[in-house]
Amino acid sequence: MEYVGVAQMESGERATIYRSGCPLPPDVGPRLTWFLEGVFGAEEKPDLFVTAAAKGMYEEVARHAFGWAERDGAIVSAAWTMTPHDDPRIGTLGEVYTDPAWRGRGMAGRVCQALLDRFDDAGGRVIFLASENPVARRIYERLGFLSFPRGLMRRERPPDEMFDEQWFRPGQLSIRLVHPGDTPRLVALYSAPSQWLSVASPQGLYSAGRVTHDRCNSLVKHTWVATRAGAWFAMANAEGALVGSGPMEPRGNEREPLGAEIDIFVHPAFVDHAGLLLARMVQEGSERGWRWLIAQLGDDDTQKRELLEATGFREVVRLADALSFGGTRQGLRILRMELGGG
């Protein structure tokens, strides 16, 4: 635990700012997780991740840090950052909250700044957050965040240093499983401008150019709290960026799934290699003995539909005006591939 400083209010009141990596000290962890869990709850912001992160349960694949302000032994403001364990350049900031009695006194800005300084000192380059609250967004703008896009915001240090060109650089590709430390990488992927829609409803993942996102650290909540084990594959480049995402959520009997609902989303610079990721997903389904895979596509997702059909998927139904993206409606196509398992 690191003492950062004392925040002096115009009223003369003071609050002490701290920050710490994880696991949090035993005298801090329960108080801080209770503070955040009581605010966000298990449905909208899964408290499971706050508690597990505070205990250091994800440190093999992620680096978590919390910042907080205390007044007379009570936590009055807190925030949380995450980076992959093997790459400090990219991160997410989330679960920012200040006790209503202490709002309007600069607490959130001071706590976030303490975490951003820690991120920068460790070699951080780009950090994301998500908020639709106009008051909160003004605070984040003062901290150097810019809209990127819709509900997402992004802060880059140093500014305008062509981070995306380096991060999504073409080169050797590999396929691996996604882990909880990949959240910042997933945010970078899904926030990149793309014509692909992504309808990964089981994971709550949508291309951010079409849908407003309001979360970052808990972006992948539906996958990690699923009661049944599925698979989530990623395509990574030599830079370590995730350039493709392929979630697979089992469907059917909970103890013996019959198949899976899938989605595939690939960065525009790597669309020509999307078949590598899809082939690994089909292989996984076959190895698990699943009978079928299904995918939901919008009418506009013609390139993705061509990829799926070339792999063996066939359209089974189209629902008119069943999909809403960015305030406009379009048809929803359901494609299915028979695997012959069971």
Protein backbone atom coordinates (compact mmCIF):
# COMPACT_ATOMS: atom_id res chain seq x y z
CA MET A 1 0.00 0.00 0.00
CA GLU A 2 1.32 3.42 -0.98
CA TYR A 3 0.44 6.74 0.60
CA VAL A 4 -0.17 9.30 -2.17
CA GLY A 5 -1.09 12.48 -0.33
CA VAL A 6 -3.76 14.49 1.43
CA ALA A 7 -6.60 16.16 -0.45
CA GLN A 8 -7.46 19.51 1.14
CA MET A 9 -11.05 20.67 0.62
CA GLU A 10 -12.16 24.31 0.45
CA SER A 11 -14.22 23.58 3.54
CA GLY A 12 -11.04 22.69 5.43
CA GLU A 13 -11.82 18.97 5.50
CA ARG A 14 -9.14 16.51 4.48
CA ALA A 15 -9.09 13.04 2.92
CA THR A 16 -6.06 10.80 2.51
CA ILE A 17 -5.33 9.23 -0.88
CA TYR A 18 -3.84 5.72 -1.16
CA ARG A 19 -3.17 3.24 -3.94
CA SER A 20 -2.11 -0.38 -3.99
CA GLY A 21 -1.53 -3.34 -6.24
CA CYS A 22 -3.17 -6.65 -5.45
CA PRO A 23 -3.69 -8.52 -3.26
CA LEU A 24 -4.82 -5.59 -1.15
CA PRO A 25 -3.68 -5.41 2.50
CA PRO A 26 -6.01 -7.38 4.83
CA ASP A 27 -7.17 -4.24 6.61
CA VAL A 28 -8.13 -2.56 3.32
CA GLY A 29 -9.51 -5.31 1.07
CA PRO A 30 -12.79 -6.02 2.91
CA ARG A 31 -13.58 -2.34 3.36
CA LEU A 32 -12.89 -1.42 -0.25
CA THR A 33 -14.71 -4.38 -1.82
CA TRP A 34 -17.71 -3.79 0.45
CA PHE A 35 -17.70 -0.14 -0.65
CA LEU A 36 -17.73 -0.99 -4.37
CA GLU A 37 -19.96 -4.07 -4.17
CA GLY A 38 -22.60 -2.11 -2.32
CA VAL A 39 -22.67 0.41 -5.15
CA PHE A 40 -22.50 -1.63 -8.33
CA GLY A 41 -24.05 -4.95 -7.31
CA ALA A 42 -23.72 -8.34 -8.95
CA GLU A 43 -25.95 -7.71 -11.95
CA GLU A 44 -24.76 -4.46 -13.50
CA LYS A 45 -21.19 -4.55 -12.21
CA PRO A 46 -20.27 -8.02 -10.96
CA ASP A 47 -18.92 -7.82 -7.43
CA LEU A 48 -17.26 -11.18 -8.06
CA PHE A 49 -14.54 -9.40 -10.00
CA VAL A 50 -13.94 -6.72 -7.40
CA THR A 51 -13.47 -9.28 -4.63
CA ALA A 52 -11.41 -11.69 -6.71
CA ALA A 53 -9.21 -8.90 -8.03
CA ALA A 54 -8.68 -7.44 -4.55
CA LYS A 55 -7.61 -10.87 -3.28
CA GLY A 56 -5.05 -11.15 -6.09
CA MET A 57 -6.76 -14.17 -7.64
CA TYR A 58 -6.13 -12.98 -11.21
CA GLU A 59 -2.53 -11.83 -10.81
CA GLU A 60 -1.17 -14.71 -12.89
CA VAL A 61 -2.78 -13.13 -15.95
CA ALA A 62 -3.53 -9.54 -14.92
CA ARG A 63 -2.21 -6.66 -12.85
CA HIS A 64 -4.90 -4.95 -10.79
CA ALA A 65 -4.55 -1.78 -8.75
CA PHE A 66 -6.99 0.13 -6.58
CA GLY A 67 -6.94 3.74 -5.52
CA TRP A 68 -9.05 5.18 -2.74
CA ALA A 69 -9.65 8.17 -0.45
CA GLU A 70 -10.22 7.80 3.29
CA ARG A 71 -11.77 10.14 5.81
CA ASP A 72 -11.70 9.14 9.49
CA GLY A 73 -11.09 5.50 8.56
CA ALA A 74 -13.98 5.33 6.07
CA ILE A 75 -13.47 4.97 2.32
CA VAL A 76 -15.25 7.81 0.52
CA SER A 77 -14.02 7.34 -3.06
CA ALA A 78 -12.43 4.51 -5.04
CA ALA A 79 -11.37 3.38 -8.51
CA TRP A 80 -9.76 0.33 -10.13
CA THR A 81 -7.31 -0.23 -12.98
CA MET A 82 -6.31 -3.38 -14.84
CA THR A 83 -3.52 -4.26 -17.28
CA PRO A 84 -2.44 -7.61 -18.75
CA HIS A 85 0.25 -9.27 -16.64
CA ASP A 86 2.67 -9.31 -19.56
CA ASP A 87 2.07 -5.86 -21.09
CA PRO A 88 1.84 -2.64 -19.04
CA ARG A 89 1.20 -0.50 -22.12
CA ILE A 90 -2.57 -0.97 -22.24
CA GLY A 91 -5.15 -0.85 -19.47
CA THR A 92 -8.67 -0.09 -18.33
CA LEU A 93 -10.01 2.17 -15.59
CA GLY A 94 -13.36 1.41 -14.01
CA GLU A 95 -15.60 1.09 -10.96
CA VAL A 96 -15.06 4.76 -10.14
CA TYR A 97 -17.35 5.84 -7.32
CA THR A 98 -17.54 8.57 -4.69
CA ASP A 99 -19.83 8.61 -1.68
CA PRO A 100 -22.62 11.10 -2.50
CA ALA A 101 -21.78 13.10 0.64
CA TRP A 102 -18.31 13.74 -0.78
CA ARG A 103 -19.15 14.50 -4.39
CA GLY A 104 -18.23 17.81 -5.95
CA ARG A 105 -14.98 18.02 -3.95
CA GLY A 106 -12.61 16.53 -6.49
CA MET A 107 -12.23 13.13 -4.81
CA ALA A 108 -12.78 11.02 -7.93
CA GLY A 109 -10.32 13.06 -9.94
CA ARG A 110 -7.61 12.74 -7.28
CA VAL A 111 -8.11 9.00 -6.88
CA CYS A 112 -8.07 8.42 -10.64
CA GLN A 113 -4.99 10.61 -11.04
CA ALA A 114 -3.15 8.52 -8.46
CA LEU A 115 -3.89 5.38 -10.48
CA LEU A 116 -3.05 7.05 -13.80
CA ASP A 117 0.33 8.16 -12.42
CA ARG A 118 0.99 4.56 -11.40
CA PHE A 119 -0.04 3.34 -14.85
CA ASP A 120 2.22 5.89 -16.58
CA ASP A 121 5.20 5.10 -14.35
CA ALA A 122 4.90 1.40 -15.22
CA GLY A 123 5.13 2.14 -18.95
CA GLY A 124 1.43 2.64 -19.71
CA ARG A 125 0.57 4.10 -23.10
CA VAL A 126 -3.21 3.77 -23.62
CA ILE A 127 -5.95 3.32 -21.03
CA PHE A 128 -9.70 3.04 -21.63
CA LEU A 129 -12.78 3.74 -19.54
CA ALA A 130 -16.51 3.85 -20.23
CA SER A 131 -19.10 6.28 -18.97
CA GLU A 132 -22.30 7.89 -20.21
CA ASN A 133 -22.50 10.25 -17.22
CA PRO A 134 -21.82 13.79 -18.52
CA VAL A 135 -20.53 15.01 -15.15
CA ALA A 136 -18.13 12.08 -14.88
CA ARG A 137 -17.00 12.52 -18.48
CA ARG A 138 -15.99 16.11 -17.76
CA ILE A 139 -13.82 14.84 -14.90
CA TYR A 140 -12.19 12.29 -17.19
CA GLU A 141 -11.62 14.91 -19.88
CA ARG A 142 -9.64 16.97 -17.35
CA LEU A 143 -7.53 13.85 -16.76
CA GLY A 144 -6.71 13.64 -20.46
CA PHE A 145 -9.38 11.22 -21.74
CA LEU A 146 -11.03 11.72 -25.13
CA SER A 147 -14.19 10.11 -26.56
CA PHE A 148 -13.33 6.89 -28.40
CA PRO A 149 -16.11 6.20 -29.54
CA ARG A 150 -19.60 6.61 -28.05
CA GLY A 151 -19.57 5.68 -24.34
CA LEU A 152 -15.90 4.76 -24.39
CA MET A 153 -13.08 7.18 -23.60
CA ARG A 154 -9.35 6.78 -24.15
CA ARG A 155 -6.22 8.45 -22.80
CA GLU A 156 -2.96 8.09 -24.70
CA ARG A 157 0.54 9.00 -23.45
CA PRO A 158 2.31 10.55 -25.18
CA PRO A 159 -0.58 11.87 -27.29
CA ASP A 160 -0.72 11.26 -31.03
CA GLU A 161 2.11 8.74 -31.04
CA MET A 162 0.46 6.35 -33.51
CA PHE A 163 -0.18 3.69 -30.87
CA ASP A 164 -2.85 1.91 -32.93
CA GLU A 165 -0.53 1.49 -35.90
CA GLN A 166 2.01 -0.23 -33.68
CA TRP A 167 -0.52 -2.21 -31.63
CA PHE A 168 -2.37 -3.67 -34.63
CA ARG A 169 0.77 -4.15 -36.72
CA PRO A 170 0.53 -7.03 -39.23
CA GLY A 171 2.80 -9.99 -38.61
CA GLN A 172 2.87 -13.53 -37.30
CA LEU A 173 -0.43 -14.69 -35.81
CA SER A 174 -1.29 -17.22 -33.12
CA ILE A 175 -4.54 -18.63 -31.72
CA ARG A 176 -4.99 -18.97 -27.96
CA LEU A 177 -7.65 -18.86 -25.27
CA VAL A 178 -8.78 -15.55 -23.82
CA HIS A 179 -8.11 -15.00 -20.10
CA PRO A 180 -9.37 -12.32 -17.64
CA GLY A 181 -6.22 -10.25 -18.10
CA ASP A 182 -7.16 -9.71 -21.74
CA THR A 183 -9.93 -7.23 -20.94
CA PRO A 184 -7.92 -4.15 -22.04
CA ARG A 185 -6.95 -5.96 -25.23
CA LEU A 186 -10.60 -6.82 -25.92
CA VAL A 187 -11.66 -3.21 -25.35
CA ALA A 188 -9.03 -2.07 -27.86
CA LEU A 189 -10.26 -4.62 -30.40
CA TYR A 190 -13.99 -3.96 -30.08
CA SER A 191 -13.50 -0.18 -30.07
CA ALA A 192 -11.53 -0.19 -33.33
CA PRO A 193 -13.53 1.16 -36.30
CA SER A 194 -15.00 -1.81 -38.17
CA GLN A 195 -17.78 -2.70 -40.58
CA TRP A 196 -18.32 -5.99 -38.73
CA LEU A 197 -21.22 -5.76 -36.31
CA SER A 198 -20.52 -8.49 -33.77
CA VAL A 199 -23.64 -9.89 -32.15
CA ALA A 200 -22.04 -11.80 -29.27
CA SER A 201 -25.12 -11.49 -27.07
CA PRO A 202 -24.08 -14.20 -24.56
CA GLN A 203 -20.97 -12.19 -23.73
CA GLY A 204 -22.62 -8.79 -24.04
CA LEU A 205 -19.98 -7.84 -26.62
CA TYR A 206 -20.77 -5.54 -29.50
CA SER A 207 -18.63 -3.48 -31.82
CA ALA A 208 -18.35 -0.16 -30.03
CA GLY A 209 -18.71 1.81 -33.24
CA ARG A 210 -22.37 0.72 -33.31
CA VAL A 211 -23.36 0.33 -29.65
CA THR A 212 -22.68 2.56 -26.65
CA HIS A 213 -20.61 0.79 -24.01
CA ASP A 214 -20.80 1.75 -20.35
CA ARG A 215 -18.24 -0.57 -18.78
CA CYS A 216 -14.61 -1.59 -19.18
CA ASN A 217 -13.24 -3.60 -16.26
CA SER A 218 -16.37 -5.75 -16.25
CA LEU A 219 -16.68 -5.86 -20.03
CA VAL A 220 -16.64 -9.64 -20.12
CA LYS A 221 -18.90 -10.27 -17.14
CA HIS A 222 -21.27 -12.69 -18.87
CA THR A 223 -18.47 -15.05 -19.89
CA TRP A 224 -16.62 -15.23 -16.58
CA VAL A 225 -19.73 -15.81 -14.47
CA ALA A 226 -21.24 -18.40 -16.82
CA THR A 227 -22.37 -21.54 -15.05
CA ARG A 228 -21.12 -23.76 -17.84
CA ALA A 229 -17.63 -23.81 -19.30
CA GLY A 230 -17.45 -22.72 -22.88
CA ALA A 231 -14.44 -21.53 -24.83
CA TRP A 232 -13.24 -18.14 -25.94
CA PHE A 233 -10.50 -18.02 -28.53
CA ALA A 234 -8.40 -15.06 -29.57
CA MET A 235 -6.17 -14.37 -32.53
CA ALA A 236 -3.07 -12.45 -31.42
CA ASN A 237 -0.35 -10.72 -33.39
CA ALA A 238 3.35 -10.56 -32.56
CA GLU A 239 2.79 -7.27 -30.72
CA GLY A 240 0.54 -9.05 -28.21
CA ALA A 241 -2.66 -7.35 -29.38
CA LEU A 242 -5.84 -9.35 -29.77
CA VAL A 243 -6.79 -8.90 -33.43
CA GLY A 244 -9.62 -11.45 -33.41
CA SER A 245 -12.16 -12.69 -30.86
CA GLY A 246 -14.21 -15.90 -31.00
CA PRO A 247 -16.47 -16.55 -27.98
CA MET A 248 -18.33 -19.88 -27.81
CA GLU A 249 -21.19 -20.17 -25.30
CA PRO A 250 -22.63 -23.69 -24.79
CA ARG A 251 -26.32 -24.29 -25.40
CA GLY A 252 -28.56 -27.16 -24.39
CA ASN A 253 -28.60 -29.24 -21.23
CA GLU A 254 -26.34 -27.66 -18.63
CA ARG A 255 -24.61 -30.94 -17.80
CA GLU A 256 -24.35 -32.07 -21.40
CA PRO A 257 -24.43 -29.16 -23.89
CA LEU A 258 -25.55 -29.98 -27.41
CA GLY A 259 -23.86 -27.10 -29.17
CA ALA A 260 -22.75 -23.50 -28.84
CA GLU A 261 -23.67 -20.00 -29.89
CA ILE A 262 -20.64 -18.29 -31.36
CA ASP A 263 -19.49 -14.99 -32.71
CA ILE A 264 -16.33 -13.97 -34.53
CA PHE A 265 -14.97 -10.44 -34.62
CA VAL A 266 -11.72 -9.51 -36.36
CA HIS A 267 -9.84 -6.23 -36.71
CA PRO A 268 -10.16 -4.83 -40.26
CA ALA A 269 -6.42 -5.24 -40.90
CA PHE A 270 -6.70 -8.98 -40.25
CA VAL A 271 -9.98 -9.92 -41.96
CA ASP A 272 -8.12 -12.04 -44.53
CA HIS A 273 -6.93 -14.26 -41.65
CA ALA A 274 -10.33 -14.63 -39.93
CA GLY A 275 -10.65 -18.17 -41.29
CA LEU A 276 -7.78 -19.30 -39.02
CA LEU A 277 -9.73 -18.29 -35.94
CA LEU A 278 -13.01 -19.75 -37.17
CA ALA A 279 -11.33 -23.07 -38.06
CA ARG A 280 -9.99 -23.38 -34.50
CA MET A 281 -13.47 -22.73 -33.11
CA VAL A 282 -15.02 -25.42 -35.32
CA GLN A 283 -12.27 -27.82 -34.25
CA GLU A 284 -13.06 -27.08 -30.60
CA GLY A 285 -16.73 -27.80 -31.10
CA SER A 286 -15.96 -31.10 -32.78
CA GLU A 287 -13.51 -32.14 -30.06
CA ARG A 288 -16.13 -31.45 -27.39
CA GLY A 289 -18.66 -33.63 -29.16
CA TRP A 290 -21.07 -30.76 -29.83
CA ARG A 291 -23.65 -31.36 -32.54
CA TRP A 292 -23.87 -27.84 -33.92
CA LEU A 293 -22.72 -24.24 -33.82
CA ILE A 294 -25.01 -21.28 -34.41
CA ALA A 295 -24.24 -17.63 -35.13
CA GLN A 296 -26.43 -14.53 -35.27
CA LEU A 297 -25.67 -11.92 -37.92
CA GLY A 298 -27.14 -8.62 -38.98
CA ASP A 299 -28.13 -8.15 -42.59
CA ASP A 300 -25.23 -5.72 -43.02
CA ASP A 301 -22.64 -8.28 -41.91
CA THR A 302 -22.16 -9.64 -45.42
CA GLN A 303 -18.41 -10.24 -45.17
CA LYS A 304 -18.78 -12.28 -42.01
CA ARG A 305 -21.70 -14.22 -43.50
CA GLU A 306 -19.56 -15.13 -46.52
CA LEU A 307 -16.82 -16.40 -44.19
CA LEU A 308 -19.25 -18.54 -42.19
CA GLU A 309 -20.93 -19.96 -45.29
CA ALA A 310 -17.57 -20.84 -46.81
CA THR A 311 -16.83 -22.81 -43.62
CA GLY A 312 -20.09 -24.76 -43.75
CA PHE A 313 -22.65 -22.61 -41.94
CA ARG A 314 -26.09 -22.33 -43.52
CA GLU A 315 -28.86 -19.83 -42.86
CA VAL A 316 -31.83 -21.39 -41.05
CA VAL A 317 -34.00 -18.33 -40.41
CA ARG A 318 -34.15 -14.60 -40.97
CA LEU A 319 -36.09 -12.33 -38.62
CA ALA A 320 -37.08 -8.98 -40.09
CA ASP A 321 -36.15 -5.84 -38.12
CA ALA A 322 -35.07 -7.99 -35.15
CA LEU A 323 -31.72 -6.30 -34.57
CA SER A 324 -31.19 -2.73 -33.41
CA PHE A 325 -27.78 -1.08 -33.79
CA GLY A 326 -27.12 2.59 -33.20
CA GLY A 327 -30.81 3.49 -33.36
CA THR A 328 -31.46 1.71 -36.67
CA ARG A 329 -33.07 -1.68 -37.24
CA GLN A 330 -32.13 -4.45 -39.62
CA GLY A 331 -32.85 -8.10 -40.16
CA LEU A 332 -31.24 -10.80 -38.00
CA ARG A 333 -29.96 -13.97 -39.69
CA ILE A 334 -29.31 -17.17 -37.76
CA LEU A 335 -26.76 -19.50 -39.32
CA ARG A 336 -26.08 -23.06 -38.20
CA MET A 337 -23.30 -25.56 -38.85
CA GLU A 338 -23.80 -29.26 -38.21
CA LEU A 339 -20.80 -30.91 -36.54
CA GLY A 340 -22.09 -34.48 -36.28
CA GLY A 341 -21.20 -34.89 -32.61
CA GLY A 342 -23.10 -36.92 -30.08
